[in-house]
C-alpha atoms as a PDB file:
ATOM      1  CA  MET A   1      35.483 -53.760  44.541  1.00  0.00           C
ATOM      2  CA  LEU A   2      34.460 -51.274  46.785  1.00  0.00           C
ATOM      3  CA  TRP A   3      32.063 -50.520  48.868  1.00  0.00           C
ATOM      4  CA  LEU A   4      32.371 -47.595  51.246  1.00  0.00           C
ATOM      5  CA  ASN A   5      28.872 -47.642  53.350  1.00  0.00           C
ATOM      6  CA  GLU A   6      27.933 -43.732  55.152  1.00  0.00           C
ATOM      7  CA  HIS A   7      26.059 -45.405  57.892  1.00  0.00           C
ATOM      8  CA  PHE A   8      28.001 -43.835  61.111  1.00  0.00           C
ATOM      9  CA  GLY A   9      28.992 -41.102  59.230  1.00  0.00           C
ATOM     10  CA  GLU A  10      31.164 -40.058  56.266  1.00  0.00           C
ATOM     11  CA  LEU A  11      34.465 -41.838  56.019  1.00  0.00           C
ATOM     12  CA  LYS A  12      37.689 -40.096  56.900  1.00  0.00           C
ATOM     13  CA  THR A  13      40.421 -39.872  58.693  1.00  0.00           C
ATOM     14  CA  ALA A  14      41.229 -38.153  61.623  1.00  0.00           C
ATOM     15  CA  ASP A  15      42.138 -35.274  59.743  1.00  0.00           C
ATOM     16  CA  GLY A  16      39.039 -34.819  57.496  1.00  0.00           C
ATOM     17  CA  LYS A  17      41.205 -35.968  54.820  1.00  0.00           C
ATOM     18  CA  PRO A  18      38.126 -38.204  52.059  1.00  0.00           C
ATOM     19  CA  PHE A  19      39.189 -42.154  52.619  1.00  0.00           C
ATOM     20  CA  MET A  20      39.551 -41.342  48.636  1.00  0.00           C
ATOM     21  CA  ASP A  21      42.431 -39.133  49.121  1.00  0.00           C
ATOM     22  CA  THR A  22      44.277 -41.398  51.725  1.00  0.00           C
ATOM     23  CA  ASN A  23      47.269 -43.445  50.539  1.00  0.00           C
ATOM     24  CA  VAL A  24      46.533 -46.426  51.153  1.00  0.00           C
ATOM     25  CA  TYR A  25      43.825 -46.108  48.824  1.00  0.00           C
ATOM     26  CA  GLN A  26      46.245 -43.978  46.030  1.00  0.00           C
ATOM     27  CA  GLN A  27      48.070 -47.233  46.010  1.00  0.00           C
ATOM     28  CA  ASN A  28      45.546 -49.733  45.959  1.00  0.00           C
ATOM     29  CA  LYS A  29      42.986 -48.333  43.488  1.00  0.00           C
ATOM     30  CA  VAL A  30      44.398 -50.008  40.574  1.00  0.00           C
ATOM     31  CA  LYS A  31      42.690 -52.877  41.971  1.00  0.00           C
ATOM     32  CA  VAL A  32      39.646 -51.583  42.382  1.00  0.00           C
ATOM     33  CA  ALA A  33      37.524 -52.203  40.021  1.00  0.00           C
ATOM     34  CA  GLY A  34      35.127 -49.289  40.986  1.00  0.00           C
ATOM     35  CA  VAL A  35      33.494 -47.994  44.488  1.00  0.00           C
ATOM     36  CA  VAL A  36      29.935 -48.230  45.564  1.00  0.00           C
ATOM     37  CA  THR A  37      28.971 -45.662  48.854  1.00  0.00           C
ATOM     38  CA  LEU A  38      26.115 -46.498  50.617  1.00  0.00           C
ATOM     39  CA  TYR A  39      24.883 -43.009  51.736  1.00  0.00           C
ATOM     40  CA  LYS A  40      23.606 -41.864  54.433  1.00  0.00           C
ATOM     41  CA  ARG A  41      19.919 -40.992  54.644  1.00  0.00           C
ATOM     42  CA  ASN A  42      17.527 -40.673  57.127  1.00  0.00           C
ATOM     43  CA  ALA A  43      17.693 -43.711  60.195  1.00  0.00           C
ATOM     44  CA  ALA A  44      13.409 -42.471  61.026  1.00  0.00           C
ATOM     45  CA  THR A  45      12.670 -43.553  57.123  1.00  0.00           C
ATOM     46  CA  PHE A  46      15.712 -45.094  55.044  1.00  0.00           C
ATOM     47  CA  GLY A  47      17.315 -46.762  58.093  1.00  0.00           C
ATOM     48  CA  ASP A  48      13.923 -47.849  59.481  1.00  0.00           C
ATOM     49  CA  ASP A  49      12.860 -49.413  56.195  1.00  0.00           C
ATOM     50  CA  ILE A  50      16.346 -51.537  55.484  1.00  0.00           C
ATOM     51  CA  GLN A  51      16.645 -52.637  58.732  1.00  0.00           C
ATOM     52  CA  LYS A  52      12.516 -53.725  58.012  1.00  0.00           C
ATOM     53  CA  LEU A  53      13.894 -54.997  54.526  1.00  0.00           C
ATOM     54  CA  ASN A  54      17.394 -57.066  55.853  1.00  0.00           C
ATOM     55  CA  THR A  55      15.102 -58.412  58.925  1.00  0.00           C
ATOM     56  CA  ASN A  56      13.104 -60.289  56.743  1.00  0.00           C
ATOM     57  CA  ARG A  57      15.165 -61.681  54.233  1.00  0.00           C
ATOM     58  CA  HIS A  58      14.324 -59.805  51.329  1.00  0.00           C
ATOM     59  CA  THR A  59      15.086 -58.479  48.254  1.00  0.00           C
ATOM     60  CA  ILE A  60      14.480 -55.463  46.759  1.00  0.00           C
ATOM     61  CA  GLY A  61      11.795 -57.140  44.190  1.00  0.00           C
ATOM     62  CA  GLU A  62      10.683 -59.079  47.426  1.00  0.00           C
ATOM     63  CA  ALA A  63       9.876 -56.300  49.606  1.00  0.00           C
ATOM     64  CA  THR A  64       8.075 -53.951  46.730  1.00  0.00           C
ATOM     65  CA  ALA A  65       5.554 -56.643  45.719  1.00  0.00           C
ATOM     66  CA  SER A  66       5.293 -57.757  49.508  1.00  0.00           C
ATOM     67  CA  PRO A  67       2.075 -56.128  51.079  1.00  0.00           C
ATOM     68  CA  GLU A  68       4.102 -56.107  54.565  1.00  0.00           C
ATOM     69  CA  TYR A  69       5.354 -52.551  53.392  1.00  0.00           C
ATOM     70  CA  THR A  70       4.014 -49.344  53.028  1.00  0.00           C
ATOM     71  CA  LEU A  71       3.451 -47.054  49.700  1.00  0.00           C
ATOM     72  CA  MET A  72       6.162 -44.449  51.332  1.00  0.00           C
ATOM     73  CA  GLU A  73       8.068 -47.648  52.327  1.00  0.00           C
ATOM     74  CA  LYS A  74       8.098 -49.000  48.721  1.00  0.00           C
ATOM     75  CA  GLN A  75       9.130 -45.744  47.047  1.00  0.00           C
ATOM     76  CA  ARG A  76      11.792 -45.056  49.320  1.00  0.00           C
ATOM     77  CA  ILE A  77      13.682 -49.016  49.589  1.00  0.00           C
ATOM     78  CA  LYS A  78      13.128 -48.226  45.321  1.00  0.00           C
ATOM     79  CA  THR A  79      15.577 -45.071  45.729  1.00  0.00           C
ATOM     80  CA  PHE A  80      17.856 -47.200  47.247  1.00  0.00           C
ATOM     81  CA  GLY A  81      18.146 -49.901  45.097  1.00  0.00           C
ATOM     82  CA  ARG A  82      18.055 -47.964  42.408  1.00  0.00           C
ATOM     83  CA  ASP A  83      21.164 -46.118  43.431  1.00  0.00           C
ATOM     84  CA  VAL A  84      23.352 -48.673  44.315  1.00  0.00           C
ATOM     85  CA  PHE A  85      22.535 -50.493  40.844  1.00  0.00           C
ATOM     86  CA  ASP A  86      23.225 -47.125  38.564  1.00  0.00           C
ATOM     87  CA  GLN A  87      26.695 -47.223  40.559  1.00  0.00           C
ATOM     88  CA  LEU A  88      26.821 -50.571  39.935  1.00  0.00           C
ATOM     89  CA  ARG A  89      26.480 -50.144  36.498  1.00  0.00           C
ATOM     90  CA  ALA A  90      29.200 -47.829  36.258  1.00  0.00           C
ATOM     91  CA  VAL A  91      31.655 -50.425  36.950  1.00  0.00           C
ATOM     92  CA  PRO A  92      33.685 -50.601  33.519  1.00  0.00           C
ATOM     93  CA  TRP A  93      33.729 -55.126  34.491  1.00  0.00           C
END
């Protein structure tokens, strides 16, 4: 499984080539079951919510059931989780 994290921006080489187009990925992609991309989102909203989730060591389910999170925080955490799990479900295990 390959996890691509866009937290610091798109994953590109110095000459602008996307990671998935690099020789190293192309030569090894048969060894990769699937790819999940953690898309860059608004750091002031999604970023803070995911940081809170991680700091509190909560699962997505725990966070959405907890009174420690506002309605909007819960919604953004659900959106993040749905995005990741949709990508995982698409992997041909």
